[in-house]
Protein backbone atom coordinates (compact mmCIF):
# COMPACT_ATOMS: atom_id res chain seq x y z
CA UNK A 1 -22.97 -37.62 32.36
CA UNK A 2 -24.43 -40.87 31.14
CA UNK A 3 -21.75 -43.29 32.25
CA UNK A 4 -20.04 -41.98 35.35
CA UNK A 5 -22.57 -39.40 36.61
CA UNK A 6 -19.66 -37.10 37.52
CA UNK A 7 -21.72 -34.15 36.34
CA UNK A 8 -25.45 -34.59 36.94
CA UNK A 9 -26.20 -31.56 34.80
CA UNK A 10 -24.72 -29.34 32.13
CA UNK A 11 -25.83 -25.98 30.78
CA UNK A 12 -25.03 -24.69 27.30
CA UNK A 13 -25.21 -21.25 25.73
CA UNK A 14 -24.64 -19.71 22.32
CA UNK A 15 -21.48 -17.66 22.14
CA UNK A 16 -20.07 -16.27 18.89
CA UNK A 17 -22.53 -18.38 16.86
CA UNK A 18 -21.41 -21.63 18.54
CA UNK A 19 -23.01 -23.74 21.25
CA UNK A 20 -20.57 -23.94 24.16
CA UNK A 21 -20.63 -25.34 27.68
CA UNK A 22 -21.69 -22.65 30.12
CA UNK A 23 -21.60 -24.69 33.35
CA UNK A 24 -20.95 -28.29 34.39
CA UNK A 25 -22.64 -28.97 37.69
CA UNK A 26 -21.96 -31.32 40.54
CA UNK A 27 -24.65 -29.99 42.87
CA UNK A 28 -28.31 -30.77 43.21
CA UNK A 29 -31.44 -29.40 41.58
CA UNK A 30 -31.38 -26.05 43.39
CA UNK A 31 -27.85 -25.33 42.17
CA UNK A 32 -28.91 -26.38 38.66
CA UNK A 33 -31.84 -23.94 38.63
CA UNK A 34 -29.69 -21.07 39.89
CA UNK A 35 -27.13 -21.73 37.15
CA UNK A 36 -29.78 -22.17 34.45
CA UNK A 37 -31.61 -18.95 35.22
CA UNK A 38 -28.76 -16.71 36.47
CA UNK A 39 -28.10 -14.92 33.18
CA UNK A 40 -31.77 -14.35 32.41
CA UNK A 41 -31.04 -15.48 28.84
CA UNK A 42 -32.07 -18.64 26.98
CA UNK A 43 -30.09 -21.80 27.66
CA UNK A 44 -29.98 -25.45 26.73
CA UNK A 45 -29.41 -27.98 29.49
CA UNK A 46 -28.98 -31.67 30.13
CA UNK A 47 -30.23 -32.89 33.48
CA UNK A 48 -29.77 -36.39 34.91
CA UNK A 49 -33.10 -36.85 36.66
CA UNK A 50 -32.81 -38.48 40.11
CA UNK A 51 -34.32 -41.96 40.26
CA UNK A 52 -36.63 -41.06 43.14
CA UNK A 53 -38.39 -38.50 40.90
CA UNK A 54 -39.38 -40.87 38.11
CA UNK A 55 -40.37 -44.41 37.18
CA UNK A 56 -37.30 -44.81 34.98
CA UNK A 57 -33.96 -46.13 36.16
CA UNK A 58 -32.03 -43.75 33.95
CA UNK A 59 -33.15 -40.59 32.24
CA UNK A 60 -31.32 -37.55 31.03
CA UNK A 61 -33.60 -34.72 29.97
CA UNK A 62 -32.71 -32.20 27.28
CA UNK A 63 -34.16 -28.82 28.28
CA UNK A 64 -34.62 -25.81 26.01
CA UNK A 65 -35.28 -22.89 28.39
CA UNK A 66 -36.41 -19.41 27.37
CA UNK A 67 -37.38 -16.86 30.02
CA UNK A 68 -40.70 -15.08 29.44
CA UNK A 69 -39.17 -11.62 29.31
CA UNK A 70 -36.17 -12.30 27.06
CA UNK A 71 -35.90 -10.08 23.97
CA UNK A 72 -36.85 -11.87 20.75
CA UNK A 73 -33.39 -11.19 19.30
CA UNK A 74 -31.81 -13.34 22.04
CA UNK A 75 -34.32 -16.20 21.68
CA UNK A 76 -34.12 -16.61 17.89
CA UNK A 77 -30.59 -18.10 17.74
CA UNK A 78 -31.60 -20.77 20.27
CA UNK A 79 -34.68 -21.67 18.26
CA UNK A 80 -32.58 -22.03 15.11
CA UNK A 81 -30.03 -24.40 16.65
CA UNK A 82 -32.17 -26.54 18.95
CA UNK A 83 -33.00 -29.29 16.42
CA UNK A 84 -29.40 -29.86 15.37
CA UNK A 85 -28.16 -29.83 18.93
CA UNK A 86 -30.75 -32.36 20.15
CA UNK A 87 -29.59 -34.76 17.44
CA UNK A 88 -25.99 -34.61 18.69
CA UNK A 89 -26.94 -35.99 22.10
CA UNK A 90 -27.52 -39.71 21.68
CA UNK A 91 -29.64 -41.62 24.16
CA UNK A 92 -31.80 -38.68 25.18
CA UNK A 93 -35.33 -39.99 25.62
CA UNK A 94 -36.96 -36.89 27.01
CA UNK A 95 -36.92 -33.43 25.51
CA UNK A 96 -38.77 -30.51 27.03
CA UNK A 97 -39.20 -26.85 26.37
CA UNK A 98 -39.43 -24.66 29.44
CA UNK A 99 -40.66 -21.11 29.46
CA UNK A 100 -41.10 -18.69 32.28
CA UNK A 101 -40.15 -19.12 35.88
CA UNK A 102 -37.77 -21.59 37.40
CA UNK A 103 -40.42 -22.78 39.85
CA UNK A 104 -42.30 -24.71 37.18
CA UNK A 105 -39.32 -26.49 35.61
CA UNK A 106 -39.04 -29.32 38.15
CA UNK A 107 -42.75 -30.16 37.99
CA UNK A 108 -42.69 -30.03 34.19
CA UNK A 109 -39.62 -32.26 34.09
CA UNK A 110 -41.13 -34.90 36.39
CA UNK A 111 -44.40 -34.87 34.45
CA UNK A 112 -42.67 -35.11 31.06
CA UNK A 113 -40.34 -37.95 32.05
CA UNK A 114 -43.03 -39.99 33.78
CA UNK A 115 -45.49 -39.44 30.93
CA UNK A 116 -42.97 -40.92 28.48
CA UNK A 117 -42.50 -44.07 30.57
CA UNK A 118 -46.11 -44.57 31.66
CA UNK A 119 -47.34 -44.04 28.12
CA UNK A 120 -45.10 -46.81 26.72
């Protein structure tokens, strides 16, 4: 993602107690949101934020997404592994937790990324 931008986003899930790639995306934001929310279960994601959204030249956001209506038993494994997983991705400057509907994720992402750069 970082060097060649072949995949502007990636989604990860927990399967058999391991974090695995769920989807590598080549499409835009709308395709990303559909893939992120399709299962209705928690997911981790990396998203290469377009330059016209933010002040930064380069920013990949780590997203920890949990739908509002997910059973607690499905959310707990994601909460347990999020810290270790974030540490494996070097160069990530922005980390955000997203809850609820897909409609708020883009606005939250733009706000979070720009806040980090403006606040420097």
